[in-house]
Amino acid sequence: MKFPKSEKLCNEITIQKLFKSGKAEFQYPFRLVYIPNPEPTDLPPQVVISISRKNFKKAVDRNWIRRRIREAYRLNKTKLLNNEQKYTVAYLGIMYVAKEKIAFAEIQKKLIRLLPRLQ
């Protein structure tokens, strides 16, 4: 599975709408905010990943975490598919709320637990 540009959420207005009126799920170290699709589609959701500058002062650390989250999402985005092999989520925001770096295996395990709850 790939993670092309079309799956990255870059529109500021949509991002503000997502964090203002989206539904949320929490599983430490993540808080997922999402907007469901009115009806399931073949298009995967557009995703934005956020890491707090307050918790990680150095951009190197934020980028390190962002890369691991992106890879864990890329490998497991099929968990968002419903029984008819369609996506039920239109937009997805992944916020990293931990105050320390966590190993990739732990990040992936937590994301795997959280993604099926969005259906």
N, C-alpha and C. Protein backbone atom coordinates (compact mmCIF):
# COMPACT_ATOMS: atom_id res chain seq x y z
N MET A 1 0.85 -1.19 0.00
CA MET A 1 0.00 0.00 0.00
C MET A 1 0.89 1.24 0.00
N LYS A 2 0.44 2.25 -0.70
CA LYS A 2 1.17 3.51 -0.79
C LYS A 2 0.49 4.58 0.03
N PHE A 3 1.15 5.72 0.17
CA PHE A 3 0.58 6.88 0.84
C PHE A 3 0.81 8.09 -0.06
N PRO A 4 0.01 8.19 -1.16
CA PRO A 4 0.23 9.25 -2.14
C PRO A 4 -0.24 10.61 -1.66
N LYS A 5 0.13 11.63 -2.41
CA LYS A 5 -0.23 13.02 -2.10
C LYS A 5 -1.75 13.20 -1.98
N SER A 6 -2.51 12.45 -2.76
CA SER A 6 -3.97 12.59 -2.74
C SER A 6 -4.57 12.17 -1.39
N GLU A 7 -3.83 11.42 -0.58
CA GLU A 7 -4.32 11.00 0.73
C GLU A 7 -3.85 11.91 1.86
N LYS A 8 -3.09 12.94 1.53
CA LYS A 8 -2.61 13.88 2.54
C LYS A 8 -3.55 15.08 2.59
N LEU A 9 -3.96 15.44 3.77
CA LEU A 9 -4.88 16.57 3.95
C LEU A 9 -4.05 17.84 4.09
N CYS A 10 -4.18 18.75 3.14
CA CYS A 10 -3.38 19.97 3.12
C CYS A 10 -4.23 21.24 3.19
N ASN A 11 -5.52 21.14 2.98
CA ASN A 11 -6.41 22.30 2.93
C ASN A 11 -6.67 22.81 4.35
N GLU A 12 -6.25 24.06 4.62
CA GLU A 12 -6.37 24.63 5.97
C GLU A 12 -7.81 24.72 6.45
N ILE A 13 -8.71 25.07 5.57
CA ILE A 13 -10.13 25.21 5.95
C ILE A 13 -10.70 23.86 6.36
N THR A 14 -10.36 22.81 5.62
CA THR A 14 -10.83 21.47 5.95
C THR A 14 -10.22 20.99 7.25
N ILE A 15 -8.96 21.31 7.48
CA ILE A 15 -8.29 20.91 8.73
C ILE A 15 -8.97 21.59 9.93
N GLN A 16 -9.28 22.89 9.80
CA GLN A 16 -9.97 23.60 10.87
C GLN A 16 -11.35 22.99 11.13
N LYS A 17 -12.06 22.67 10.06
CA LYS A 17 -13.38 22.04 10.19
C LYS A 17 -13.26 20.68 10.87
N LEU A 18 -12.22 19.92 10.51
CA LEU A 18 -11.99 18.59 11.09
C LEU A 18 -11.81 18.69 12.60
N PHE A 19 -10.93 19.58 13.05
CA PHE A 19 -10.65 19.68 14.48
C PHE A 19 -11.75 20.40 15.26
N LYS A 20 -12.57 21.18 14.57
CA LYS A 20 -13.64 21.90 15.23
C LYS A 20 -14.89 21.03 15.41
N SER A 21 -15.27 20.30 14.35
CA SER A 21 -16.55 19.59 14.41
C SER A 21 -16.44 18.08 14.19
N GLY A 22 -15.22 17.54 14.16
CA GLY A 22 -15.07 16.10 13.94
C GLY A 22 -15.33 15.29 15.20
N LYS A 23 -15.58 14.00 15.02
CA LYS A 23 -15.74 13.08 16.14
C LYS A 23 -14.35 12.62 16.58
N ALA A 24 -14.22 12.23 17.86
CA ALA A 24 -12.89 11.88 18.37
C ALA A 24 -12.88 10.50 19.04
N GLU A 25 -11.75 9.85 18.94
CA GLU A 25 -11.46 8.60 19.64
C GLU A 25 -10.10 8.77 20.28
N PHE A 26 -9.91 8.14 21.45
CA PHE A 26 -8.63 8.27 22.15
C PHE A 26 -8.09 6.90 22.54
N GLN A 27 -6.83 6.69 22.28
CA GLN A 27 -6.08 5.51 22.74
C GLN A 27 -4.65 6.00 22.89
N TYR A 28 -4.19 6.07 24.12
CA TYR A 28 -2.85 6.60 24.36
C TYR A 28 -1.85 5.88 23.48
N PRO A 29 -1.01 6.55 22.75
CA PRO A 29 -0.62 7.96 22.71
C PRO A 29 -1.29 8.76 21.60
N PHE A 30 -2.47 8.32 21.11
CA PHE A 30 -3.11 9.00 19.99
C PHE A 30 -4.49 9.53 20.36
N ARG A 31 -4.83 10.62 19.70
CA ARG A 31 -6.21 11.11 19.68
C ARG A 31 -6.55 11.24 18.21
N LEU A 32 -7.54 10.48 17.76
CA LEU A 32 -7.96 10.53 16.37
C LEU A 32 -9.23 11.35 16.26
N VAL A 33 -9.22 12.30 15.34
CA VAL A 33 -10.40 13.11 15.04
C VAL A 33 -10.77 12.80 13.60
N TYR A 34 -12.05 12.54 13.36
CA TYR A 34 -12.44 12.15 12.01
C TYR A 34 -13.81 12.70 11.64
N ILE A 35 -14.02 12.80 10.34
CA ILE A 35 -15.33 13.16 9.80
C ILE A 35 -15.77 11.98 8.94
N PRO A 36 -16.89 11.35 9.28
CA PRO A 36 -17.34 10.19 8.50
C PRO A 36 -17.87 10.58 7.13
N ASN A 37 -17.80 9.65 6.20
CA ASN A 37 -18.40 9.83 4.87
C ASN A 37 -19.91 9.67 4.97
N PRO A 38 -20.68 10.46 4.23
CA PRO A 38 -22.13 10.26 4.24
C PRO A 38 -22.50 8.86 3.75
N GLU A 39 -21.79 8.39 2.72
CA GLU A 39 -21.96 7.01 2.28
C GLU A 39 -20.59 6.46 1.91
N PRO A 40 -20.31 5.19 2.19
CA PRO A 40 -18.98 4.61 1.95
C PRO A 40 -18.52 4.74 0.49
N THR A 41 -17.21 5.00 0.33
CA THR A 41 -16.62 5.15 -1.01
C THR A 41 -15.36 4.30 -1.14
N ASP A 42 -14.84 4.25 -2.36
CA ASP A 42 -13.60 3.53 -2.63
C ASP A 42 -12.37 4.37 -2.30
N LEU A 43 -12.56 5.68 -2.12
CA LEU A 43 -11.44 6.58 -1.85
C LEU A 43 -11.02 6.52 -0.39
N PRO A 44 -9.73 6.32 -0.11
CA PRO A 44 -9.27 6.33 1.28
C PRO A 44 -9.36 7.74 1.86
N PRO A 45 -9.41 7.85 3.18
CA PRO A 45 -9.54 9.18 3.80
C PRO A 45 -8.28 10.02 3.61
N GLN A 46 -8.45 11.33 3.65
CA GLN A 46 -7.31 12.24 3.65
C GLN A 46 -6.88 12.39 5.10
N VAL A 47 -5.57 12.36 5.33
CA VAL A 47 -5.02 12.28 6.68
C VAL A 47 -4.08 13.44 6.96
N VAL A 48 -4.14 13.96 8.18
CA VAL A 48 -3.18 14.94 8.67
C VAL A 48 -2.63 14.41 10.00
N ILE A 49 -1.32 14.54 10.20
CA ILE A 49 -0.66 14.05 11.42
C ILE A 49 -0.12 15.26 12.17
N SER A 50 -0.42 15.32 13.47
CA SER A 50 -0.04 16.48 14.27
C SER A 50 0.73 16.05 15.51
N ILE A 51 1.87 16.71 15.75
CA ILE A 51 2.67 16.48 16.96
C ILE A 51 2.91 17.84 17.60
N SER A 52 2.68 17.94 18.89
CA SER A 52 2.74 19.20 19.60
C SER A 52 4.17 19.75 19.68
N ARG A 53 4.31 21.01 19.32
CA ARG A 53 5.60 21.69 19.45
C ARG A 53 5.93 21.93 20.92
N LYS A 54 4.89 21.99 21.74
CA LYS A 54 5.08 22.20 23.17
C LYS A 54 5.78 21.00 23.81
N ASN A 55 5.41 19.79 23.37
CA ASN A 55 6.00 18.58 23.95
C ASN A 55 7.34 18.21 23.33
N PHE A 56 7.53 18.55 22.05
CA PHE A 56 8.77 18.22 21.34
C PHE A 56 9.30 19.49 20.70
N LYS A 57 10.26 20.12 21.36
CA LYS A 57 10.79 21.41 20.92
C LYS A 57 11.53 21.31 19.59
N LYS A 58 12.26 20.21 19.39
CA LYS A 58 13.08 20.08 18.19
C LYS A 58 12.29 19.48 17.04
N ALA A 59 12.42 20.11 15.87
CA ALA A 59 11.74 19.62 14.67
C ALA A 59 12.20 18.21 14.31
N VAL A 60 13.45 17.90 14.63
CA VAL A 60 13.98 16.56 14.35
C VAL A 60 13.16 15.50 15.06
N ASP A 61 12.81 15.76 16.32
CA ASP A 61 12.01 14.80 17.09
C ASP A 61 10.59 14.69 16.54
N ARG A 62 9.98 15.83 16.18
CA ARG A 62 8.63 15.80 15.62
C ARG A 62 8.61 15.04 14.30
N ASN A 63 9.61 15.26 13.47
CA ASN A 63 9.69 14.56 12.18
C ASN A 63 9.91 13.07 12.38
N TRP A 64 10.72 12.69 13.36
CA TRP A 64 11.00 11.28 13.66
C TRP A 64 9.69 10.57 14.02
N ILE A 65 8.90 11.19 14.87
CA ILE A 65 7.62 10.60 15.29
C ILE A 65 6.64 10.58 14.12
N ARG A 66 6.57 11.68 13.37
CA ARG A 66 5.65 11.77 12.24
C ARG A 66 5.92 10.68 11.21
N ARG A 67 7.19 10.40 10.93
CA ARG A 67 7.54 9.34 9.97
C ARG A 67 7.06 7.98 10.43
N ARG A 68 7.21 7.71 11.71
CA ARG A 68 6.78 6.41 12.25
C ARG A 68 5.26 6.27 12.25
N ILE A 69 4.56 7.34 12.57
CA ILE A 69 3.10 7.31 12.55
C ILE A 69 2.62 7.11 11.10
N ARG A 70 3.22 7.84 10.17
CA ARG A 70 2.83 7.73 8.76
C ARG A 70 3.04 6.30 8.26
N GLU A 71 4.16 5.69 8.63
CA GLU A 71 4.44 4.32 8.18
C GLU A 71 3.46 3.34 8.82
N ALA A 72 3.16 3.50 10.11
CA ALA A 72 2.20 2.62 10.78
C ALA A 72 0.82 2.76 10.14
N TYR A 73 0.42 3.99 9.82
CA TYR A 73 -0.87 4.20 9.16
C TYR A 73 -0.88 3.57 7.77
N ARG A 74 0.19 3.79 7.01
CA ARG A 74 0.27 3.27 5.65
C ARG A 74 0.13 1.75 5.62
N LEU A 75 0.76 1.08 6.57
CA LEU A 75 0.72 -0.37 6.62
C LEU A 75 -0.64 -0.91 7.07
N ASN A 76 -1.41 -0.11 7.81
CA ASN A 76 -2.64 -0.61 8.43
C ASN A 76 -3.90 0.14 8.03
N LYS A 77 -3.86 0.95 6.98
CA LYS A 77 -5.05 1.72 6.61
C LYS A 77 -6.19 0.84 6.12
N THR A 78 -5.92 -0.40 5.77
CA THR A 78 -7.00 -1.31 5.35
C THR A 78 -7.92 -1.66 6.51
N LYS A 79 -7.50 -1.39 7.74
CA LYS A 79 -8.34 -1.62 8.91
C LYS A 79 -9.55 -0.67 8.93
N LEU A 80 -9.49 0.39 8.12
CA LEU A 80 -10.60 1.34 8.03
C LEU A 80 -11.70 0.86 7.09
N LEU A 81 -11.44 -0.19 6.33
CA LEU A 81 -12.44 -0.70 5.39
C LEU A 81 -13.57 -1.39 6.13
N ASN A 82 -14.80 -1.22 5.62
CA ASN A 82 -15.93 -1.91 6.22
C ASN A 82 -16.13 -3.27 5.54
N ASN A 83 -17.22 -3.95 5.82
CA ASN A 83 -17.48 -5.28 5.27
C ASN A 83 -17.57 -5.30 3.74
N GLU A 84 -18.00 -4.18 3.14
CA GLU A 84 -18.14 -4.12 1.68
C GLU A 84 -16.87 -3.61 1.01
N GLN A 85 -15.76 -3.56 1.75
CA GLN A 85 -14.47 -3.08 1.23
C GLN A 85 -14.55 -1.63 0.77
N LYS A 86 -15.25 -0.80 1.56
CA LYS A 86 -15.35 0.62 1.28
C LYS A 86 -14.93 1.40 2.52
N TYR A 87 -14.44 2.61 2.31
CA TYR A 87 -14.01 3.47 3.42
C TYR A 87 -15.19 4.27 3.95
N THR A 88 -15.32 4.33 5.27
CA THR A 88 -16.42 5.06 5.90
C THR A 88 -15.97 6.41 6.47
N VAL A 89 -14.67 6.71 6.38
CA VAL A 89 -14.12 7.95 6.92
C VAL A 89 -13.65 8.83 5.77
N ALA A 90 -14.03 10.13 5.80
CA ALA A 90 -13.63 11.06 4.74
C ALA A 90 -12.31 11.76 5.09
N TYR A 91 -12.21 12.26 6.33
CA TYR A 91 -11.02 12.98 6.78
C TYR A 91 -10.60 12.43 8.13
N LEU A 92 -9.28 12.38 8.35
CA LEU A 92 -8.75 11.80 9.58
C LEU A 92 -7.58 12.63 10.09
N GLY A 93 -7.64 13.01 11.35
CA GLY A 93 -6.53 13.73 11.99
C GLY A 93 -5.95 12.85 13.08
N ILE A 94 -4.66 12.61 13.01
CA ILE A 94 -3.97 11.79 14.02
C ILE A 94 -3.10 12.72 14.85
N MET A 95 -3.43 12.84 16.14
CA MET A 95 -2.64 13.69 17.04
C MET A 95 -1.88 12.80 18.01
N TYR A 96 -0.60 13.08 18.14
CA TYR A 96 0.28 12.35 19.06
C TYR A 96 0.31 13.14 20.36
N VAL A 97 -0.19 12.55 21.45
CA VAL A 97 -0.32 13.30 22.71
C VAL A 97 0.70 12.91 23.77
N ALA A 98 1.51 11.89 23.52
CA ALA A 98 2.51 11.48 24.50
C ALA A 98 3.60 12.55 24.62
N LYS A 99 4.30 12.54 25.74
CA LYS A 99 5.35 13.53 25.97
C LYS A 99 6.75 12.94 25.76
N GLU A 100 6.80 11.69 25.31
CA GLU A 100 8.08 11.04 25.05
C GLU A 100 7.99 10.24 23.76
N LYS A 101 9.16 9.94 23.20
CA LYS A 101 9.19 9.12 21.99
C LYS A 101 8.82 7.68 22.35
N ILE A 102 8.08 7.03 21.47
CA ILE A 102 7.67 5.65 21.68
C ILE A 102 8.16 4.83 20.49
N ALA A 103 8.54 3.60 20.74
CA ALA A 103 9.06 2.72 19.70
C ALA A 103 8.00 2.46 18.62
N PHE A 104 8.47 2.17 17.41
CA PHE A 104 7.58 1.94 16.27
C PHE A 104 6.61 0.80 16.55
N ALA A 105 7.07 -0.29 17.16
CA ALA A 105 6.20 -1.43 17.42
C ALA A 105 5.02 -1.03 18.31
N GLU A 106 5.27 -0.19 19.29
CA GLU A 106 4.21 0.27 20.19
C GLU A 106 3.25 1.22 19.45
N ILE A 107 3.79 2.10 18.64
CA ILE A 107 2.96 3.02 17.85
C ILE A 107 2.04 2.23 16.95
N GLN A 108 2.58 1.24 16.27
CA GLN A 108 1.78 0.43 15.34
C GLN A 108 0.71 -0.36 16.08
N LYS A 109 1.06 -0.93 17.22
CA LYS A 109 0.10 -1.71 17.99
C LYS A 109 -1.09 -0.85 18.44
N LYS A 110 -0.82 0.35 18.92
CA LYS A 110 -1.88 1.25 19.38
C LYS A 110 -2.75 1.73 18.22
N LEU A 111 -2.13 2.02 17.09
CA LEU A 111 -2.89 2.48 15.92
C LEU A 111 -3.78 1.37 15.38
N ILE A 112 -3.30 0.13 15.41
CA ILE A 112 -4.09 -1.02 14.96
C ILE A 112 -5.33 -1.18 15.83
N ARG A 113 -5.20 -0.94 17.13
CA ARG A 113 -6.35 -1.05 18.04
C ARG A 113 -7.37 0.06 17.80
N LEU A 114 -6.87 1.22 17.40
CA LEU A 114 -7.74 2.40 17.30
C LEU A 114 -8.47 2.52 15.96
N LEU A 115 -7.85 2.14 14.86
CA LEU A 115 -8.45 2.33 13.54
C LEU A 115 -9.79 1.63 13.33
N PRO A 116 -9.97 0.36 13.75
CA PRO A 116 -11.27 -0.29 13.54
C PRO A 116 -12.43 0.40 14.28
N ARG A 117 -12.13 1.16 15.31
CA ARG A 117 -13.20 1.84 16.07
C ARG A 117 -13.84 2.98 15.30
N LEU A 118 -13.24 3.40 14.19
CA LEU A 118 -13.74 4.54 13.44
C LEU A 118 -14.86 4.17 12.49
N GLN A 119 -15.15 2.90 12.32
CA GLN A 119 -16.19 2.48 11.36
C GLN A 119 -17.58 2.79 11.86
